[in-house]
């Protein structure tokens, strides 16, 4: 597994959200995964960590993983919602 992106500076011109800038997202290369392996990977991530998914500004729904075919190449964008800090 190869991580292609973790932290990015604000105003990088790439990001559609602030998940990478806030340290809440990682991009993982899916270049070498077959379609079956990719579906299983997505299913496993959703089953184990789906409740942590970031809330989409566009849809208002929680989403932990999204596969994309642009930017750094085919990759899975994994994002979590902000945690509440203890007072």
C-alpha atoms as a PDB file:
ATOM      1  CA  UNK A   1       0.000   0.000   0.000  1.00  0.00           C
ATOM      2  CA  UNK A   2       1.377   3.411  -0.947  1.00  0.00           C
ATOM      3  CA  UNK A   3       0.197   6.669   0.642  1.00  0.00           C
ATOM      4  CA  UNK A   4       0.285   9.393  -2.000  1.00  0.00           C
ATOM      5  CA  UNK A   5      -0.928  12.356   0.049  1.00  0.00           C
ATOM      6  CA  UNK A   6      -1.368  13.214   3.729  1.00  0.00           C
ATOM      7  CA  UNK A   7      -0.956  16.832   4.774  1.00  0.00           C
ATOM      8  CA  UNK A   8      -1.277  19.736   2.360  1.00  0.00           C
ATOM      9  CA  UNK A   9      -0.903  23.478   2.918  1.00  0.00           C
ATOM     10  CA  UNK A  10      -3.996  25.678   2.894  1.00  0.00           C
ATOM     11  CA  UNK A  11      -4.614  27.248  -0.501  1.00  0.00           C
ATOM     12  CA  UNK A  12      -2.809  24.466  -2.383  1.00  0.00           C
ATOM     13  CA  UNK A  13      -5.150  24.789  -5.365  1.00  0.00           C
ATOM     14  CA  UNK A  14      -5.814  21.030  -5.376  1.00  0.00           C
ATOM     15  CA  UNK A  15      -8.100  20.340  -2.445  1.00  0.00           C
ATOM     16  CA  UNK A  16     -11.878  20.655  -2.612  1.00  0.00           C
ATOM     17  CA  UNK A  17     -12.112  20.529   1.183  1.00  0.00           C
ATOM     18  CA  UNK A  18      -9.853  21.082   4.199  1.00  0.00           C
ATOM     19  CA  UNK A  19      -9.549  17.436   5.262  1.00  0.00           C
ATOM     20  CA  UNK A  20      -5.918  17.143   4.149  1.00  0.00           C
ATOM     21  CA  UNK A  21      -4.967  20.521   5.632  1.00  0.00           C
ATOM     22  CA  UNK A  22      -6.496  19.527   8.970  1.00  0.00           C
ATOM     23  CA  UNK A  23      -4.786  16.124   8.988  1.00  0.00           C
ATOM     24  CA  UNK A  24      -8.069  14.221   8.634  1.00  0.00           C
ATOM     25  CA  UNK A  25      -7.471  12.602   5.236  1.00  0.00           C
ATOM     26  CA  UNK A  26      -5.066  10.354   3.384  1.00  0.00           C
ATOM     27  CA  UNK A  27      -4.864   9.309  -0.251  1.00  0.00           C
ATOM     28  CA  UNK A  28      -3.827   5.713  -0.914  1.00  0.00           C
ATOM     29  CA  UNK A  29      -2.811   4.429  -4.340  1.00  0.00           C
ATOM     30  CA  UNK A  30      -5.206   1.876  -5.835  1.00  0.00           C
ATOM     31  CA  UNK A  31      -3.236   1.556  -9.052  1.00  0.00           C
ATOM     32  CA  UNK A  32      -2.383  -2.112  -8.496  1.00  0.00           C
ATOM     33  CA  UNK A  33      -5.792  -3.263  -7.232  1.00  0.00           C
ATOM     34  CA  UNK A  34      -8.158  -5.233  -9.423  1.00  0.00           C
ATOM     35  CA  UNK A  35     -11.808  -4.130  -9.533  1.00  0.00           C
ATOM     36  CA  UNK A  36     -12.730  -6.989  -7.171  1.00  0.00           C
ATOM     37  CA  UNK A  37      -9.942  -6.101  -4.717  1.00  0.00           C
ATOM     38  CA  UNK A  38     -10.966  -2.433  -4.808  1.00  0.00           C
ATOM     39  CA  UNK A  39     -14.608  -3.247  -4.014  1.00  0.00           C
ATOM     40  CA  UNK A  40     -13.503  -5.490  -1.123  1.00  0.00           C
ATOM     41  CA  UNK A  41     -11.140  -2.775   0.198  1.00  0.00           C
ATOM     42  CA  UNK A  42     -13.939  -0.164   0.082  1.00  0.00           C
ATOM     43  CA  UNK A  43     -16.362  -2.572   1.761  1.00  0.00           C
ATOM     44  CA  UNK A  44     -13.894  -3.383   4.556  1.00  0.00           C
ATOM     45  CA  UNK A  45     -13.147   0.307   5.245  1.00  0.00           C
ATOM     46  CA  UNK A  46     -16.858   1.187   5.360  1.00  0.00           C
ATOM     47  CA  UNK A  47     -17.697  -1.796   7.607  1.00  0.00           C
ATOM     48  CA  UNK A  48     -14.910  -1.072  10.100  1.00  0.00           C
ATOM     49  CA  UNK A  49     -14.653   2.712  10.073  1.00  0.00           C
ATOM     50  CA  UNK A  50     -17.686   4.086   8.220  1.00  0.00           C
ATOM     51  CA  UNK A  51     -19.080   5.741  11.354  1.00  0.00           C
ATOM     52  CA  UNK A  52     -16.005   8.023  11.413  1.00  0.00           C
ATOM     53  CA  UNK A  53     -16.519   9.372   7.889  1.00  0.00           C
ATOM     54  CA  UNK A  54     -16.344  13.098   7.251  1.00  0.00           C
ATOM     55  CA  UNK A  55     -19.604  14.878   6.465  1.00  0.00           C
ATOM     56  CA  UNK A  56     -19.809  16.031   2.840  1.00  0.00           C
ATOM     57  CA  UNK A  57     -20.509  19.747   2.390  1.00  0.00           C
ATOM     58  CA  UNK A  58     -22.224  18.893  -0.896  1.00  0.00           C
ATOM     59  CA  UNK A  59     -24.575  16.131   0.290  1.00  0.00           C
ATOM     60  CA  UNK A  60     -24.560  16.354   4.087  1.00  0.00           C
ATOM     61  CA  UNK A  61     -23.887  12.603   4.279  1.00  0.00           C
ATOM     62  CA  UNK A  62     -21.044  10.845   6.064  1.00  0.00           C
ATOM     63  CA  UNK A  63     -18.467   9.312   3.742  1.00  0.00           C
ATOM     64  CA  UNK A  64     -15.291   7.542   4.861  1.00  0.00           C
ATOM     65  CA  UNK A  65     -13.896   6.570   1.443  1.00  0.00           C
ATOM     66  CA  UNK A  66     -14.129   7.775  -2.113  1.00  0.00           C
ATOM     67  CA  UNK A  67     -12.198   6.385  -5.045  1.00  0.00           C
ATOM     68  CA  UNK A  68     -10.844   8.831  -7.608  1.00  0.00           C
ATOM     69  CA  UNK A  69      -9.015   8.474 -10.897  1.00  0.00           C
ATOM     70  CA  UNK A  70      -7.301  11.898 -11.027  1.00  0.00           C
ATOM     71  CA  UNK A  71      -4.621  13.931  -9.256  1.00  0.00           C
ATOM     72  CA  UNK A  72      -1.893  11.572  -8.079  1.00  0.00           C
ATOM     73  CA  UNK A  73      -3.394   8.758 -10.164  1.00  0.00           C
ATOM     74  CA  UNK A  74      -6.064   6.239  -9.181  1.00  0.00           C
ATOM     75  CA  UNK A  75      -6.432   6.534  -5.425  1.00  0.00           C
ATOM     76  CA  UNK A  76      -8.738   6.061  -2.461  1.00  0.00           C
ATOM     77  CA  UNK A  77      -9.394   9.257  -0.520  1.00  0.00           C
ATOM     78  CA  UNK A  78     -10.059   8.288   3.108  1.00  0.00           C
ATOM     79  CA  UNK A  79     -11.396  11.025   5.385  1.00  0.00           C
ATOM     80  CA  UNK A  80     -12.637  11.260   8.957  1.00  0.00           C
ATOM     81  CA  UNK A  81     -14.771  13.843  10.709  1.00  0.00           C
ATOM     82  CA  UNK A  82     -13.201  16.206  13.260  1.00  0.00           C
ATOM     83  CA  UNK A  83     -12.963  14.878  16.800  1.00  0.00           C
ATOM     84  CA  UNK A  84     -14.344  16.759  19.748  1.00  0.00           C
ATOM     85  CA  UNK A  85     -11.668  17.877  22.125  1.00  0.00           C
ATOM     86  CA  UNK A  86     -12.145  17.420  25.831  1.00  0.00           C
ATOM     87  CA  UNK A  87     -12.524  20.720  27.721  1.00  0.00           C
END
